All heavy atoms as atom14 arrays in JSON, in Angstrom:
{
  "sequence": "GKHAGHVAKSQAITLEQALPLFTISGARSLGEWADFITLERPQSEM",
  "atom14_mask": [
    [1, 1, 1, 1, 0, 0, 0, 0, 0, 0, 0, 0, 0, 0],
    [1, 1, 1, 1, 1, 1, 1, 1, 1, 0, 0, 0, 0, 0],
    [1, 1, 1, 1, 1, 1, 1, 1, 1, 1, 0, 0, 0, 0],
    [1, 1, 1, 1, 1, 0, 0, 0, 0, 0, 0, 0, 0, 0],
    [1, 1, 1, 1, 0, 0, 0, 0, 0, 0, 0, 0, 0, 0],
    [1, 1, 1, 1, 1, 1, 1, 1, 1, 1, 0, 0, 0, 0],
    [1, 1, 1, 1, 1, 1, 1, 0, 0, 0, 0, 0, 0, 0],
    [1, 1, 1, 1, 1, 0, 0, 0, 0, 0, 0, 0, 0, 0],
    [1, 1, 1, 1, 1, 1, 1, 1, 1, 0, 0, 0, 0, 0],
    [1, 1, 1, 1, 1, 1, 0, 0, 0, 0, 0, 0, 0, 0],
    [1, 1, 1, 1, 1, 1, 1, 1, 1, 0, 0, 0, 0, 0],
    [1, 1, 1, 1, 1, 0, 0, 0, 0, 0, 0, 0, 0, 0],
    [1, 1, 1, 1, 1, 1, 1, 1, 0, 0, 0, 0, 0, 0],
    [1, 1, 1, 1, 1, 1, 1, 0, 0, 0, 0, 0, 0, 0],
    [1, 1, 1, 1, 1, 1, 1, 1, 0, 0, 0, 0, 0, 0],
    [1, 1, 1, 1, 1, 1, 1, 1, 1, 0, 0, 0, 0, 0],
    [1, 1, 1, 1, 1, 1, 1, 1, 1, 0, 0, 0, 0, 0],
    [1, 1, 1, 1, 1, 0, 0, 0, 0, 0, 0, 0, 0, 0],
    [1, 1, 1, 1, 1, 1, 1, 1, 0, 0, 0, 0, 0, 0],
    [1, 1, 1, 1, 1, 1, 1, 0, 0, 0, 0, 0, 0, 0],
    [1, 1, 1, 1, 1, 1, 1, 1, 0, 0, 0, 0, 0, 0],
    [1, 1, 1, 1, 1, 1, 1, 1, 1, 1, 1, 0, 0, 0],
    [1, 1, 1, 1, 1, 1, 1, 0, 0, 0, 0, 0, 0, 0],
    [1, 1, 1, 1, 1, 1, 1, 1, 0, 0, 0, 0, 0, 0],
    [1, 1, 1, 1, 1, 1, 0, 0, 0, 0, 0, 0, 0, 0],
    [1, 1, 1, 1, 0, 0, 0, 0, 0, 0, 0, 0, 0, 0],
    [1, 1, 1, 1, 1, 0, 0, 0, 0, 0, 0, 0, 0, 0],
    [1, 1, 1, 1, 1, 1, 1, 1, 1, 1, 1, 0, 0, 0],
    [1, 1, 1, 1, 1, 1, 0, 0, 0, 0, 0, 0, 0, 0],
    [1, 1, 1, 1, 1, 1, 1, 1, 0, 0, 0, 0, 0, 0],
    [1, 1, 1, 1, 0, 0, 0, 0, 0, 0, 0, 0, 0, 0],
    [1, 1, 1, 1, 1, 1, 1, 1, 1, 0, 0, 0, 0, 0],
    [1, 1, 1, 1, 1, 1, 1, 1, 1, 1, 1, 1, 1, 1],
    [1, 1, 1, 1, 1, 0, 0, 0, 0, 0, 0, 0, 0, 0],
    [1, 1, 1, 1, 1, 1, 1, 1, 0, 0, 0, 0, 0, 0],
    [1, 1, 1, 1, 1, 1, 1, 1, 1, 1, 1, 0, 0, 0],
    [1, 1, 1, 1, 1, 1, 1, 1, 0, 0, 0, 0, 0, 0],
    [1, 1, 1, 1, 1, 1, 1, 0, 0, 0, 0, 0, 0, 0],
    [1, 1, 1, 1, 1, 1, 1, 1, 0, 0, 0, 0, 0, 0],
    [1, 1, 1, 1, 1, 1, 1, 1, 1, 0, 0, 0, 0, 0],
    [1, 1, 1, 1, 1, 1, 1, 1, 1, 1, 1, 0, 0, 0],
    [1, 1, 1, 1, 1, 1, 1, 0, 0, 0, 0, 0, 0, 0],
    [1, 1, 1, 1, 1, 1, 1, 1, 1, 0, 0, 0, 0, 0],
    [1, 1, 1, 1, 1, 1, 0, 0, 0, 0, 0, 0, 0, 0],
    [1, 1, 1, 1, 1, 1, 1, 1, 1, 0, 0, 0, 0, 0],
    [1, 1, 1, 1, 1, 1, 1, 1, 0, 0, 0, 0, 0, 0]
  ],
  "atom14_positions": [
    [[0.78, -1.22, 0.0], [0.0, 0.0, 0.0], [0.82, 1.28, 0.0], [0.27, 2.37, 0.04], [0.0, 0.0, 0.0], [0.0, 0.0, 0.0], [0.0, 0.0, 0.0], [0.0, 0.0, 0.0], [0.0, 0.0, 0.0], [0.0, 0.0, 0.0], [0.0, 0.0, 0.0], [0.0, 0.0, 0.0], [0.0, 0.0, 0.0], [0.0, 0.0, 0.0]],
    [[2.14, 1.16, -0.06], [3.01, 2.35, -0.05], [2.93, 3.13, -1.35], [3.13, 4.33, -1.37], [4.46, 1.94, 0.22], [4.7, 1.41, 1.61], [6.15, 1.02, 1.8], [6.36, 0.41, 3.17], [7.74, -0.04, 3.35], [0.0, 0.0, 0.0], [0.0, 0.0, 0.0], [0.0, 0.0, 0.0], [0.0, 0.0, 0.0], [0.0, 0.0, 0.0]],
    [[2.66, 2.43, -2.45], [2.63, 3.06, -3.77], [1.29, 2.78, -4.43], [0.89, 1.63, -4.55], [3.78, 2.56, -4.65], [5.12, 2.7, -4.0], [5.78, 3.91, -3.93], [5.9, 1.8, -3.38], [6.92, 3.74, -3.28], [7.02, 2.46, -2.95], [0.0, 0.0, 0.0], [0.0, 0.0, 0.0], [0.0, 0.0, 0.0], [0.0, 0.0, 0.0]],
    [[0.63, 3.81, -4.86], [-0.69, 3.66, -5.5], [-0.55, 3.2, -6.94], [0.5, 3.37, -7.56], [-1.42, 5.0, -5.45], [0.0, 0.0, 0.0], [0.0, 0.0, 0.0], [0.0, 0.0, 0.0], [0.0, 0.0, 0.0], [0.0, 0.0, 0.0], [0.0, 0.0, 0.0], [0.0, 0.0, 0.0], [0.0, 0.0, 0.0], [0.0, 0.0, 0.0]],
    [[-1.62, 2.64, -7.46], [-1.67, 2.26, -8.86], [-1.08, 0.9, -9.14], [-0.78, 0.13, -8.23], [0.0, 0.0, 0.0], [0.0, 0.0, 0.0], [0.0, 0.0, 0.0], [0.0, 0.0, 0.0], [0.0, 0.0, 0.0], [0.0, 0.0, 0.0], [0.0, 0.0, 0.0], [0.0, 0.0, 0.0], [0.0, 0.0, 0.0], [0.0, 0.0, 0.0]],
    [[-0.93, 0.63, -10.42], [-0.43, -0.65, -10.91], [0.7, -0.41, -11.9], [0.73, 0.61, -12.56], [-1.54, -1.43, -11.62], [-2.67, -1.79, -10.73], [-3.67, -0.91, -10.41], [-2.98, -2.93, -10.09], [-4.54, -1.49, -9.61], [-4.14, -2.74, -9.41], [0.0, 0.0, 0.0], [0.0, 0.0, 0.0], [0.0, 0.0, 0.0], [0.0, 0.0, 0.0]],
    [[1.57, -1.39, -12.03], [2.63, -1.35, -13.04], [2.33, -2.46, -14.04], [2.23, -3.62, -13.67], [4.02, -1.58, -12.4], [5.09, -1.67, -13.46], [4.33, -0.5, -11.4], [0.0, 0.0, 0.0], [0.0, 0.0, 0.0], [0.0, 0.0, 0.0], [0.0, 0.0, 0.0], [0.0, 0.0, 0.0], [0.0, 0.0, 0.0], [0.0, 0.0, 0.0]],
    [[2.15, -2.09, -15.29], [1.89, -3.06, -16.36], [0.81, -4.06, -15.95], [1.01, -5.27, -15.96], [3.17, -3.76, -16.76], [0.0, 0.0, 0.0], [0.0, 0.0, 0.0], [0.0, 0.0, 0.0], [0.0, 0.0, 0.0], [0.0, 0.0, 0.0], [0.0, 0.0, 0.0], [0.0, 0.0, 0.0], [0.0, 0.0, 0.0], [0.0, 0.0, 0.0]],
    [[-0.35, -3.54, -15.57], [-1.45, -4.37, -15.09], [-1.79, -5.52, -16.01], [-2.17, -6.61, -15.57], [-2.67, -3.49, -14.85], [-3.77, -4.17, -14.1], [-4.88, -3.18, -13.75], [-5.94, -3.86, -12.93], [-6.96, -2.91, -12.47], [0.0, 0.0, 0.0], [0.0, 0.0, 0.0], [0.0, 0.0, 0.0], [0.0, 0.0, 0.0], [0.0, 0.0, 0.0]],
    [[-1.61, -5.33, -17.31], [-1.93, -6.39, -18.27], [-0.98, -7.58, -18.15], [-1.24, -8.65, -18.71], [-1.89, -5.85, -19.7], [-0.57, -5.44, -20.03], [0.0, 0.0, 0.0], [0.0, 0.0, 0.0], [0.0, 0.0, 0.0], [0.0, 0.0, 0.0], [0.0, 0.0, 0.0], [0.0, 0.0, 0.0], [0.0, 0.0, 0.0], [0.0, 0.0, 0.0]],
    [[0.12, -7.43, -17.41], [1.08, -8.52, -17.23], [0.84, -9.32, -15.95], [1.64, -10.19, -15.6], [2.5, -7.97, -17.23], [2.91, -7.38, -18.56], [4.32, -6.81, -18.53], [5.02, -6.88, -17.53], [4.72, -6.21, -19.62], [0.0, 0.0, 0.0], [0.0, 0.0, 0.0], [0.0, 0.0, 0.0], [0.0, 0.0, 0.0], [0.0, 0.0, 0.0]],
    [[-0.26, -9.04, -15.25], [-0.58, -9.81, -14.04], [-0.73, -11.29, -14.4], [-1.14, -11.64, -15.51], [-1.87, -9.28, -13.43], [0.0, 0.0, 0.0], [0.0, 0.0, 0.0], [0.0, 0.0, 0.0], [0.0, 0.0, 0.0], [0.0, 0.0, 0.0], [0.0, 0.0, 0.0], [0.0, 0.0, 0.0], [0.0, 0.0, 0.0], [0.0, 0.0, 0.0]],
    [[-0.36, -12.17, -13.47], [-0.47, -13.6, -13.69], [-1.32, -14.21, -12.57], [-1.56, -13.59, -11.54], [0.91, -14.29, -13.78], [1.71, -14.12, -12.48], [1.69, -13.76, -14.98], [3.02, -14.87, -12.46], [0.0, 0.0, 0.0], [0.0, 0.0, 0.0], [0.0, 0.0, 0.0], [0.0, 0.0, 0.0], [0.0, 0.0, 0.0], [0.0, 0.0, 0.0]],
    [[-1.75, -15.44, -12.76], [-2.57, -16.12, -11.78], [-1.7, -16.69, -10.65], [-0.48, -16.83, -10.8], [-3.33, -17.29, -12.42], [-2.37, -18.29, -12.84], [-4.17, -16.83, -13.61], [0.0, 0.0, 0.0], [0.0, 0.0, 0.0], [0.0, 0.0, 0.0], [0.0, 0.0, 0.0], [0.0, 0.0, 0.0], [0.0, 0.0, 0.0], [0.0, 0.0, 0.0]],
    [[-2.36, -17.05, -9.56], [-1.65, -17.69, -8.45], [-0.99, -18.98, -8.93], [0.15, -19.26, -8.57], [-2.62, -17.97, -7.31], [-2.05, -18.7, -6.1], [-0.91, -17.9, -5.46], [-3.14, -18.98, -5.08], [0.0, 0.0, 0.0], [0.0, 0.0, 0.0], [0.0, 0.0, 0.0], [0.0, 0.0, 0.0], [0.0, 0.0, 0.0], [0.0, 0.0, 0.0]],
    [[-1.68, -19.74, -9.77], [-1.13, -21.0, -10.27], [0.14, -20.78, -11.1], [1.04, -21.62, -11.11], [-2.18, -21.75, -11.1], [-3.34, -22.29, -10.28], [-4.34, -21.21, -9.85], [-4.39, -20.12, -10.47], [-5.05, -21.45, -8.86], [0.0, 0.0, 0.0], [0.0, 0.0, 0.0], [0.0, 0.0, 0.0], [0.0, 0.0, 0.0], [0.0, 0.0, 0.0]],
    [[0.21, -19.67, -11.8], [1.41, -19.34, -12.58], [2.53, -18.82, -11.67], [3.71, -19.07, -11.92], [1.09, -18.29, -13.64], [0.16, -18.79, -14.73], [-0.34, -17.65, -15.59], [-0.75, -16.6, -15.11], [-0.32, -17.87, -16.91], [0.0, 0.0, 0.0], [0.0, 0.0, 0.0], [0.0, 0.0, 0.0], [0.0, 0.0, 0.0], [0.0, 0.0, 0.0]],
    [[2.17, -18.08, -10.63], [3.16, -17.45, -9.75], [3.82, -18.44, -8.79], [5.01, -18.3, -8.48], [2.53, -16.31, -8.96], [0.0, 0.0, 0.0], [0.0, 0.0, 0.0], [0.0, 0.0, 0.0], [0.0, 0.0, 0.0], [0.0, 0.0, 0.0], [0.0, 0.0, 0.0], [0.0, 0.0, 0.0], [0.0, 0.0, 0.0], [0.0, 0.0, 0.0]],
    [[3.07, -19.41, -8.3], [3.62, -20.32, -7.3], [4.92, -21.0, -7.72], [5.89, -21.0, -6.95], [2.58, -21.36, -6.89], [1.52, -20.86, -5.92], [0.47, -21.95, -5.66], [2.13, -20.41, -4.61], [0.0, 0.0, 0.0], [0.0, 0.0, 0.0], [0.0, 0.0, 0.0], [0.0, 0.0, 0.0], [0.0, 0.0, 0.0], [0.0, 0.0, 0.0]],
    [[5.01, -21.59, -8.91], [6.28, -22.22, -9.29], [7.45, -21.23, -9.35], [8.58, -21.6, -9.06], [6.0, -22.81, -10.68], [4.53, -22.93, -10.76], [3.97, -21.83, -9.91], [0.0, 0.0, 0.0], [0.0, 0.0, 0.0], [0.0, 0.0, 0.0], [0.0, 0.0, 0.0], [0.0, 0.0, 0.0], [0.0, 0.0, 0.0], [0.0, 0.0, 0.0]],
    [[7.16, -19.99, -9.7], [8.24, -19.0, -9.78], [8.89, -18.76, -8.42], [10.09, -18.52, -8.32], [7.7, -17.68, -10.32], [7.14, -17.73, -11.74], [6.52, -16.38, -12.1], [8.22, -18.1, -12.73], [0.0, 0.0, 0.0], [0.0, 0.0, 0.0], [0.0, 0.0, 0.0], [0.0, 0.0, 0.0], [0.0, 0.0, 0.0], [0.0, 0.0, 0.0]],
    [[8.09, -18.82, -7.36], [8.59, -18.53, -6.03], [8.87, -19.77, -5.19], [9.33, -19.66, -4.06], [7.6, -17.62, -5.29], [7.61, -16.23, -5.82], [6.67, -15.84, -6.75], [8.59, -15.33, -5.43], [6.69, -14.56, -7.27], [8.62, -14.07, -5.95], [7.67, -13.67, -6.87], [0.0, 0.0, 0.0], [0.0, 0.0, 0.0], [0.0, 0.0, 0.0]],
    [[8.59, -20.94, -5.73], [8.81, -22.17, -4.97], [9.8, -23.07, -5.71], [10.99, -23.03, -5.45], [7.48, -22.89, -4.7], [6.81, -23.16, -5.95], [6.56, -22.05, -3.82], [0.0, 0.0, 0.0], [0.0, 0.0, 0.0], [0.0, 0.0, 0.0], [0.0, 0.0, 0.0], [0.0, 0.0, 0.0], [0.0, 0.0, 0.0], [0.0, 0.0, 0.0]],
    [[9.32, -23.82, -6.66], [10.15, -24.8, -7.36], [11.33, -24.14, -8.08], [12.45, -24.61, -7.97], [9.29, -25.61, -8.36], [8.27, -26.44, -7.6], [10.15, -26.5, -9.24], [7.19, -27.04, -8.48], [0.0, 0.0, 0.0], [0.0, 0.0, 0.0], [0.0, 0.0, 0.0], [0.0, 0.0, 0.0], [0.0, 0.0, 0.0], [0.0, 0.0, 0.0]],
    [[11.08, -23.06, -8.8], [12.16, -22.42, -9.56], [13.24, -21.87, -8.64], [14.43, -22.03, -8.91], [11.59, -21.3, -10.44], [10.71, -21.84, -11.39], [0.0, 0.0, 0.0], [0.0, 0.0, 0.0], [0.0, 0.0, 0.0], [0.0, 0.0, 0.0], [0.0, 0.0, 0.0], [0.0, 0.0, 0.0], [0.0, 0.0, 0.0], [0.0, 0.0, 0.0]],
    [[12.84, -21.23, -7.55], [13.82, -20.71, -6.59], [14.61, -21.82, -5.92], [15.82, -21.74, -5.78], [0.0, 0.0, 0.0], [0.0, 0.0, 0.0], [0.0, 0.0, 0.0], [0.0, 0.0, 0.0], [0.0, 0.0, 0.0], [0.0, 0.0, 0.0], [0.0, 0.0, 0.0], [0.0, 0.0, 0.0], [0.0, 0.0, 0.0], [0.0, 0.0, 0.0]],
    [[13.91, -22.88, -5.53], [14.59, -24.01, -4.89], [15.56, -24.68, -5.85], [16.69, -25.02, -5.47], [13.55, -25.02, -4.4], [0.0, 0.0, 0.0], [0.0, 0.0, 0.0], [0.0, 0.0, 0.0], [0.0, 0.0, 0.0], [0.0, 0.0, 0.0], [0.0, 0.0, 0.0], [0.0, 0.0, 0.0], [0.0, 0.0, 0.0], [0.0, 0.0, 0.0]],
    [[15.14, -24.84, -7.08], [16.0, -25.47, -8.09], [17.27, -24.63, -8.31], [18.36, -25.17, -8.4], [15.24, -25.63, -9.4], [16.0, -26.41, -10.46], [15.18, -26.62, -11.72], [14.03, -27.45, -11.44], [12.79, -27.19, -11.83], [12.52, -26.11, -12.55], [11.8, -28.01, -11.54], [0.0, 0.0, 0.0], [0.0, 0.0, 0.0], [0.0, 0.0, 0.0]],
    [[17.12, -23.32, -8.38], [18.29, -22.47, -8.64], [19.27, -22.49, -7.48], [20.46, -22.34, -7.68], [17.86, -21.04, -8.95], [17.34, -20.42, -7.79], [0.0, 0.0, 0.0], [0.0, 0.0, 0.0], [0.0, 0.0, 0.0], [0.0, 0.0, 0.0], [0.0, 0.0, 0.0], [0.0, 0.0, 0.0], [0.0, 0.0, 0.0], [0.0, 0.0, 0.0]],
    [[18.77, -22.7, -6.26], [19.65, -22.75, -5.08], [20.09, -24.17, -4.74], [20.97, -24.37, -3.92], [18.93, -22.15, -3.87], [18.62, -20.67, -3.95], [17.73, -20.25, -2.77], [19.89, -19.85, -3.96], [0.0, 0.0, 0.0], [0.0, 0.0, 0.0], [0.0, 0.0, 0.0], [0.0, 0.0, 0.0], [0.0, 0.0, 0.0], [0.0, 0.0, 0.0]],
    [[19.45, -25.15, -5.36], [19.77, -26.53, -5.04], [19.27, -26.92, -3.66], [19.78, -27.85, -3.05], [0.0, 0.0, 0.0], [0.0, 0.0, 0.0], [0.0, 0.0, 0.0], [0.0, 0.0, 0.0], [0.0, 0.0, 0.0], [0.0, 0.0, 0.0], [0.0, 0.0, 0.0], [0.0, 0.0, 0.0], [0.0, 0.0, 0.0], [0.0, 0.0, 0.0]],
    [[18.27, -26.22, -3.15], [17.69, -26.5, -1.83], [16.21, -26.74, -1.97], [15.51, -25.98, -2.63], [17.91, -25.3, -0.89], [19.35, -24.98, -0.6], [20.01, -26.0, 0.32], [19.3, -26.65, 1.11], [21.24, -26.16, 0.24], [0.0, 0.0, 0.0], [0.0, 0.0, 0.0], [0.0, 0.0, 0.0], [0.0, 0.0, 0.0], [0.0, 0.0, 0.0]],
    [[15.72, -27.77, -1.34], [14.31, -28.12, -1.46], [13.71, -28.33, -0.09], [14.24, -29.07, 0.72], [14.13, -29.42, -2.24], [14.7, -29.38, -3.62], [15.98, -29.66, -3.99], [14.0, -29.03, -4.81], [16.13, -29.5, -5.33], [14.92, -29.12, -5.86], [12.71, -28.66, -5.09], [14.57, -28.85, -7.17], [12.36, -28.39, -6.38], [13.28, -28.49, -7.42]],
    [[12.59, -27.72, 0.17], [11.81, -28.03, 1.36], [10.82, -29.12, 0.97], [10.34, -29.15, -0.16], [11.06, -26.8, 1.87], [0.0, 0.0, 0.0], [0.0, 0.0, 0.0], [0.0, 0.0, 0.0], [0.0, 0.0, 0.0], [0.0, 0.0, 0.0], [0.0, 0.0, 0.0], [0.0, 0.0, 0.0], [0.0, 0.0, 0.0], [0.0, 0.0, 0.0]],
    [[10.52, -30.01, 1.91], [9.51, -31.02, 1.64], [8.15, -30.33, 1.49], [7.43, -30.57, 0.55], [9.44, -32.05, 2.75], [10.72, -32.87, 2.85], [11.42, -33.01, 1.83], [11.01, -33.38, 3.94], [0.0, 0.0, 0.0], [0.0, 0.0, 0.0], [0.0, 0.0, 0.0], [0.0, 0.0, 0.0], [0.0, 0.0, 0.0], [0.0, 0.0, 0.0]],
    [[7.83, -29.47, 2.45], [6.61, -28.69, 2.38], [6.61, -27.65, 3.48], [7.4, -27.72, 4.42], [5.34, -29.56, 2.44], [5.17, -30.33, 3.72], [4.51, -29.77, 4.81], [5.66, -31.61, 3.85], [4.34, -30.48, 5.98], [5.5, -32.33, 5.02], [4.84, -31.77, 6.09], [0.0, 0.0, 0.0], [0.0, 0.0, 0.0], [0.0, 0.0, 0.0]],
    [[5.71, -26.68, 3.34], [5.51, -25.68, 4.38], [4.06, -25.76, 4.83], [3.19, -26.23, 4.11], [5.84, -24.25, 3.91], [4.93, -23.82, 2.75], [7.31, -24.12, 3.53], [5.04, -22.36, 2.39], [0.0, 0.0, 0.0], [0.0, 0.0, 0.0], [0.0, 0.0, 0.0], [0.0, 0.0, 0.0], [0.0, 0.0, 0.0], [0.0, 0.0, 0.0]],
    [[3.83, -25.3, 6.06], [2.48, -25.25, 6.6], [2.07, -23.79, 6.69], [2.82, -22.96, 7.22], [2.43, -25.88, 8.01], [2.93, -27.21, 7.94], [1.02, -25.89, 8.55], [0.0, 0.0, 0.0], [0.0, 0.0, 0.0], [0.0, 0.0, 0.0], [0.0, 0.0, 0.0], [0.0, 0.0, 0.0], [0.0, 0.0, 0.0], [0.0, 0.0, 0.0]],
    [[0.9, -23.5, 6.13], [0.37, -22.14, 6.16], [-0.87, -22.1, 7.04], [-1.48, -23.13, 7.34], [0.0, -21.69, 4.75], [1.12, -21.73, 3.71], [0.59, -21.38, 2.34], [2.26, -20.8, 4.12], [0.0, 0.0, 0.0], [0.0, 0.0, 0.0], [0.0, 0.0, 0.0], [0.0, 0.0, 0.0], [0.0, 0.0, 0.0], [0.0, 0.0, 0.0]],
    [[-1.27, -20.89, 7.41], [-2.45, -20.69, 8.24], [-3.71, -21.23, 7.56], [-4.58, -21.81, 8.2], [-2.61, -19.21, 8.53], [-3.73, -18.86, 9.46], [-3.76, -17.37, 9.74], [-2.7, -16.81, 10.07], [-4.85, -16.79, 9.63], [0.0, 0.0, 0.0], [0.0, 0.0, 0.0], [0.0, 0.0, 0.0], [0.0, 0.0, 0.0], [0.0, 0.0, 0.0]],
    [[-3.81, -21.0, 6.26], [-4.93, -21.5, 5.47], [-4.48, -21.55, 4.0], [-3.45, -20.98, 3.66], [-6.18, -20.66, 5.66], [-6.1, -19.23, 5.22], [-7.42, -18.52, 5.59], [-7.62, -17.35, 4.81], [-7.11, -16.16, 5.09], [-6.36, -16.0, 6.16], [-7.35, -15.12, 4.32], [0.0, 0.0, 0.0], [0.0, 0.0, 0.0], [0.0, 0.0, 0.0]],
    [[-5.24, -22.21, 3.14], [-4.84, -22.32, 1.73], [-4.7, -20.96, 1.06], [-5.51, -20.06, 1.28], [-5.98, -23.12, 1.1], [-6.61, -23.86, 2.23], [-6.48, -22.96, 3.42], [0.0, 0.0, 0.0], [0.0, 0.0, 0.0], [0.0, 0.0, 0.0], [0.0, 0.0, 0.0], [0.0, 0.0, 0.0], [0.0, 0.0, 0.0], [0.0, 0.0, 0.0]],
    [[-3.69, -20.83, 0.23], [-3.48, -19.58, -0.5], [-4.65, -19.25, -1.41], [-4.93, -18.09, -1.66], [-2.19, -19.66, -1.32], [-0.96, -19.68, -0.46], [0.28, -19.94, -1.26], [0.27, -20.73, -2.18], [1.35, -19.28, -0.9], [0.0, 0.0, 0.0], [0.0, 0.0, 0.0], [0.0, 0.0, 0.0], [0.0, 0.0, 0.0], [0.0, 0.0, 0.0]],
    [[-5.35, -20.25, -1.88], [-6.5, -20.02, -2.75], [-7.62, -19.28, -2.02], [-8.51, -18.72, -2.66], [-7.02, -21.33, -3.32], [-7.42, -22.2, -2.26], [0.0, 0.0, 0.0], [0.0, 0.0, 0.0], [0.0, 0.0, 0.0], [0.0, 0.0, 0.0], [0.0, 0.0, 0.0], [0.0, 0.0, 0.0], [0.0, 0.0, 0.0], [0.0, 0.0, 0.0]],
    [[-7.57, -19.25, -0.7], [-8.57, -18.54, 0.1], [-8.09, -17.16, 0.52], [-8.79, -16.45, 1.25], [-8.92, -19.35, 1.35], [-9.57, -20.68, 1.07], [-9.8, -21.5, 2.33], [-9.55, -21.0, 3.44], [-10.22, -22.66, 2.19], [0.0, 0.0, 0.0], [0.0, 0.0, 0.0], [0.0, 0.0, 0.0], [0.0, 0.0, 0.0], [0.0, 0.0, 0.0]],
    [[-6.89, -16.76, 0.09], [-6.29, -15.49, 0.51], [-6.37, -14.45, -0.6], [-6.35, -14.79, -1.78], [-4.81, -15.7, 0.87], [-4.58, -16.59, 2.04], [-2.8, -16.71, 2.33], [-2.77, -17.95, 3.59], [0.0, 0.0, 0.0], [0.0, 0.0, 0.0], [0.0, 0.0, 0.0], [0.0, 0.0, 0.0], [0.0, 0.0, 0.0], [0.0, 0.0, 0.0]]
  ]
}
């Protein structure tokens, strides 16, 4: 909320597209893998 508006709004992606970018792809590049994480509730509900 620090900055108003959107940047290249037409380039927004879905949660299903974003998850691999921040999970599998990052882990693969570092060679580190977590088995899984526990969240407060499913991301699909957030």
